[in-house]
C-alpha atoms as a PDB file:
ATOM      1  CA  MET A   1      23.304 -18.560  18.179  1.00  0.00           C
ATOM      2  CA  LYS A   2      21.192 -15.608  19.267  1.00  0.00           C
ATOM      3  CA  ALA A   3      23.022 -13.582  16.426  1.00  0.00           C
ATOM      4  CA  ILE A   4      21.862 -16.365  13.897  1.00  0.00           C
ATOM      5  CA  VAL A   5      18.255 -16.197  15.084  1.00  0.00           C
ATOM      6  CA  LEU A   6      18.098 -12.396  14.987  1.00  0.00           C
ATOM      7  CA  MET A   7      19.577 -12.390  11.402  1.00  0.00           C
ATOM      8  CA  SER A   8      17.245 -14.977  10.229  1.00  0.00           C
ATOM      9  CA  ALA A   9      14.351 -12.769  11.608  1.00  0.00           C
ATOM     10  CA  PHE A  10      15.663  -9.823   9.881  1.00  0.00           C
ATOM     11  CA  ILE A  11      16.233 -11.559   6.576  1.00  0.00           C
ATOM     12  CA  ALA A  12      12.566 -13.167   6.682  1.00  0.00           C
ATOM     13  CA  SER A  13      11.270  -9.691   7.482  1.00  0.00           C
ATOM     14  CA  PHE A  14      13.125  -7.891   4.704  1.00  0.00           C
ATOM     15  CA  SER A  15      12.094 -10.682   2.231  1.00  0.00           C
ATOM     16  CA  PHE A  16       8.431 -10.195   3.088  1.00  0.00           C
ATOM     17  CA  ALA A  17       8.738  -6.623   2.817  1.00  0.00           C
ATOM     18  CA  GLN A  18      10.070  -6.815  -0.581  1.00  0.00           C
ATOM     19  CA  THR A  19       7.439  -9.299  -1.736  1.00  0.00           C
ATOM     20  CA  ASP A  20       4.470  -7.318  -0.436  1.00  0.00           C
ATOM     21  CA  LEU A  21       5.930  -3.984  -1.765  1.00  0.00           C
ATOM     22  CA  ALA A  22       6.520  -5.347  -5.146  1.00  0.00           C
ATOM     23  CA  GLU A  23       2.911  -6.869  -5.361  1.00  0.00           C
ATOM     24  CA  ILE A  24       1.515  -3.702  -3.967  1.00  0.00           C
ATOM     25  CA  SER A  25       3.423  -1.529  -6.472  1.00  0.00           C
ATOM     26  CA  ASP A  26       2.365  -3.807  -9.373  1.00  0.00           C
ATOM     27  CA  ALA A  27      -1.385  -3.505  -8.402  1.00  0.00           C
ATOM     28  CA  ILE A  28      -1.126   0.337  -8.175  1.00  0.00           C
ATOM     29  CA  ARG A  29       0.767   0.446 -11.478  1.00  0.00           C
ATOM     30  CA  LEU A  30      -1.828  -1.776 -13.371  1.00  0.00           C
ATOM     31  CA  GLY A  31      -4.740   0.001 -11.631  1.00  0.00           C
ATOM     32  CA  ASP A  32      -5.810  -3.043 -10.223  1.00  0.00           C
ATOM     33  CA  ALA A  33      -7.914  -2.464  -7.223  1.00  0.00           C
ATOM     34  CA  LYS A  34      -9.003  -5.984  -6.742  1.00  0.00           C
ATOM     35  CA  SER A  35      -5.468  -7.354  -6.473  1.00  0.00           C
ATOM     36  CA  LEU A  36      -4.492  -4.265  -4.204  1.00  0.00           C
ATOM     37  CA  SER A  37      -7.333  -5.355  -1.964  1.00  0.00           C
ATOM     38  CA  TYR A  38      -5.648  -8.516  -1.097  1.00  0.00           C
ATOM     39  CA  TYR A  39      -3.712  -6.484   1.233  1.00  0.00           C
ATOM     40  CA  PHE A  40      -6.614  -4.390   2.483  1.00  0.00           C
ATOM     41  CA  ASP A  41      -7.841  -4.692   6.244  1.00  0.00           C
ATOM     42  CA  GLN A  42     -11.501  -5.205   6.701  1.00  0.00           C
ATOM     43  CA  GLU A  43     -11.737  -1.488   7.017  1.00  0.00           C
ATOM     44  CA  ILE A  44      -9.287   1.037   5.404  1.00  0.00           C
ATOM     45  CA  GLU A  45      -9.051   4.756   5.496  1.00  0.00           C
ATOM     46  CA  LEU A  46      -8.883   6.321   1.984  1.00  0.00           C
ATOM     47  CA  ASN A  47      -7.820   9.776   1.395  1.00  0.00           C
ATOM     48  CA  ILE A  48      -8.145  10.311  -2.295  1.00  0.00           C
ATOM     49  CA  GLY A  49      -9.017  13.797  -3.538  1.00  0.00           C
ATOM     50  CA  ARG A  50     -12.404  14.726  -1.923  1.00  0.00           C
ATOM     51  CA  VAL A  51     -12.871  11.188  -0.562  1.00  0.00           C
ATOM     52  CA  ASP A  52     -11.666  11.058   2.991  1.00  0.00           C
ATOM     53  CA  ASP A  53     -13.296   8.504   4.991  1.00  0.00           C
ATOM     54  CA  VAL A  54     -13.200   4.879   6.504  1.00  0.00           C
ATOM     55  CA  TYR A  55     -14.537   2.275   4.139  1.00  0.00           C
ATOM     56  CA  SER A  56     -15.258  -1.543   4.275  1.00  0.00           C
ATOM     57  CA  LYS A  57     -12.795  -3.612   2.148  1.00  0.00           C
ATOM     58  CA  ASP A  58     -15.360  -3.902  -0.545  1.00  0.00           C
ATOM     59  CA  GLN A  59     -16.415  -0.302  -0.520  1.00  0.00           C
ATOM     60  CA  ALA A  60     -12.608   0.514  -0.806  1.00  0.00           C
ATOM     61  CA  VAL A  61     -12.212  -1.575  -4.040  1.00  0.00           C
ATOM     62  CA  LYS A  62     -15.120   0.304  -5.598  1.00  0.00           C
ATOM     63  CA  VAL A  63     -13.724   3.802  -4.671  1.00  0.00           C
ATOM     64  CA  LEU A  64     -10.351   2.689  -5.981  1.00  0.00           C
ATOM     65  CA  HIS A  65     -11.722   1.128  -9.337  1.00  0.00           C
ATOM     66  CA  ALA A  66     -13.498   4.442  -9.893  1.00  0.00           C
ATOM     67  CA  PHE A  67     -10.159   6.511  -9.208  1.00  0.00           C
ATOM     68  CA  PHE A  68      -8.240   4.103 -11.540  1.00  0.00           C
ATOM     69  CA  GLY A  69     -10.969   4.488 -14.283  1.00  0.00           C
ATOM     70  CA  LYS A  70     -10.790   8.262 -14.073  1.00  0.00           C
ATOM     71  CA  TYR A  71      -7.151   8.311 -13.816  1.00  0.00           C
ATOM     72  CA  PRO A  72      -5.623   5.485 -15.770  1.00  0.00           C
ATOM     73  CA  PRO A  73      -2.129   4.706 -14.363  1.00  0.00           C
ATOM     74  CA  LYS A  74       0.924   5.244 -16.782  1.00  0.00           C
ATOM     75  CA  SER A  75       3.710   4.134 -14.179  1.00  0.00           C
ATOM     76  CA  PHE A  76       4.236   3.863 -10.573  1.00  0.00           C
ATOM     77  CA  ARG A  77       7.651   4.013  -8.517  1.00  0.00           C
ATOM     78  CA  ASN A  78       8.369   3.780  -4.894  1.00  0.00           C
ATOM     79  CA  LEU A  79      10.117   6.520  -3.301  1.00  0.00           C
ATOM     80  CA  HIS A  80      10.619   5.669   0.323  1.00  0.00           C
ATOM     81  CA  HIS A  81       9.625   2.862   2.650  1.00  0.00           C
ATOM     82  CA  GLY A  82      10.278   2.100   6.441  1.00  0.00           C
ATOM     83  CA  ALA A  83       8.945   0.258   9.245  1.00  0.00           C
ATOM     84  CA  SER A  84       8.250   1.085  12.961  1.00  0.00           C
ATOM     85  CA  SER A  85       9.877  -1.448  15.400  1.00  0.00           C
ATOM     86  CA  THR A  86       7.469  -0.736  18.212  1.00  0.00           C
ATOM     87  CA  LYS A  87       4.090  -1.053  16.376  1.00  0.00           C
ATOM     88  CA  HIS A  88       4.642  -3.614  13.703  1.00  0.00           C
ATOM     89  CA  MET A  89       3.762  -1.011  11.118  1.00  0.00           C
ATOM     90  CA  LYS A  90       5.255  -0.265   7.666  1.00  0.00           C
ATOM     91  CA  TYR A  91       4.741   2.671   5.206  1.00  0.00           C
ATOM     92  CA  TYR A  92       5.431   2.986   1.508  1.00  0.00           C
ATOM     93  CA  ILE A  93       5.526   6.297  -0.350  1.00  0.00           C
ATOM     94  CA  GLY A  94       5.504   6.376  -4.063  1.00  0.00           C
ATOM     95  CA  LYS A  95       4.526   8.415  -7.131  1.00  0.00           C
ATOM     96  CA  LEU A  96       1.758   7.573  -9.515  1.00  0.00           C
ATOM     97  CA  HIS A  97       1.814   8.934 -12.911  1.00  0.00           C
ATOM     98  CA  THR A  98      -1.404   9.142 -14.756  1.00  0.00           C
ATOM     99  CA  ASN A  99      -2.831  10.488 -17.983  1.00  0.00           C
ATOM    100  CA  SER A 100      -4.199  13.398 -16.018  1.00  0.00           C
ATOM    101  CA  GLY A 101      -1.196  14.266 -13.838  1.00  0.00           C
ATOM    102  CA  SER A 102       0.783  12.843 -10.985  1.00  0.00           C
ATOM    103  CA  PHE A 103      -0.220  11.654  -7.385  1.00  0.00           C
ATOM    104  CA  ARG A 104       1.874  10.975  -4.243  1.00  0.00           C
ATOM    105  CA  SER A 105       0.868   7.798  -2.598  1.00  0.00           C
ATOM    106  CA  THR A 106       1.046   6.964   0.963  1.00  0.00           C
ATOM    107  CA  ILE A 107       0.326   3.487   2.170  1.00  0.00           C
ATOM    108  CA  LEU A 108       0.260   2.643   5.957  1.00  0.00           C
ATOM    109  CA  LEU A 109       0.297  -1.157   6.615  1.00  0.00           C
ATOM    110  CA  GLU A 110      -0.296  -2.942  10.064  1.00  0.00           C
ATOM    111  CA  GLU A 111       0.674  -6.492  10.985  1.00  0.00           C
ATOM    112  CA  LYS A 112      -2.367  -8.588  11.896  1.00  0.00           C
ATOM    113  CA  ALA A 113      -2.184 -12.232  12.337  1.00  0.00           C
ATOM    114  CA  GLY A 114       1.238 -12.472  10.727  1.00  0.00           C
ATOM    115  CA  LYS A 115       0.153 -10.679   7.664  1.00  0.00           C
ATOM    116  CA  MET A 116       0.691  -6.897   6.723  1.00  0.00           C
ATOM    117  CA  LEU A 117      -2.569  -5.203   5.874  1.00  0.00           C
ATOM    118  CA  ILE A 118      -3.143  -1.751   4.485  1.00  0.00           C
ATOM    119  CA  LYS A 119      -4.905   0.454   7.122  1.00  0.00           C
ATOM    120  CA  GLN A 120      -4.547   3.676   5.061  1.00  0.00           C
ATOM    121  CA  PHE A 121      -4.085   4.610   1.480  1.00  0.00           C
ATOM    122  CA  SER A 122      -3.907   8.129   0.162  1.00  0.00           C
ATOM    123  CA  LEU A 123      -3.327   9.770  -3.207  1.00  0.00           C
ATOM    124  CA  GLU A 124      -2.552  13.564  -3.195  1.00  0.00           C
ATOM    125  CA  ARG A 125      -2.475  15.422  -6.510  1.00  0.00           C
ATOM    126  CA  GLN A 126       0.895  16.919  -7.123  1.00  0.00           C
END
């Protein structure tokens, strides 16, 4: 019985991870800061070029909107993802291709009230 409960929890966690990963990836690929903000915590650390600070959710949307305006996405693909079993955290690493070059993305999410929220988002030019 314990095995069934544990397996169900694992499958639910895996399904959730695939759903949020797909939605986050789609928002980045489309350059849709507003849709991406659905996953933002109330404060988020952004590391994008010369921008390296903690922003409110609304401010972060404006910063990302400006970035996507300057660097319109052509494609985005996930390279790696994983989770920490002790801190209820997940990370996604991907590659964003734009008209002006490529960027490595790193996204750190933390579970809060049963929902995975982006705590940190970075884009490094490659």
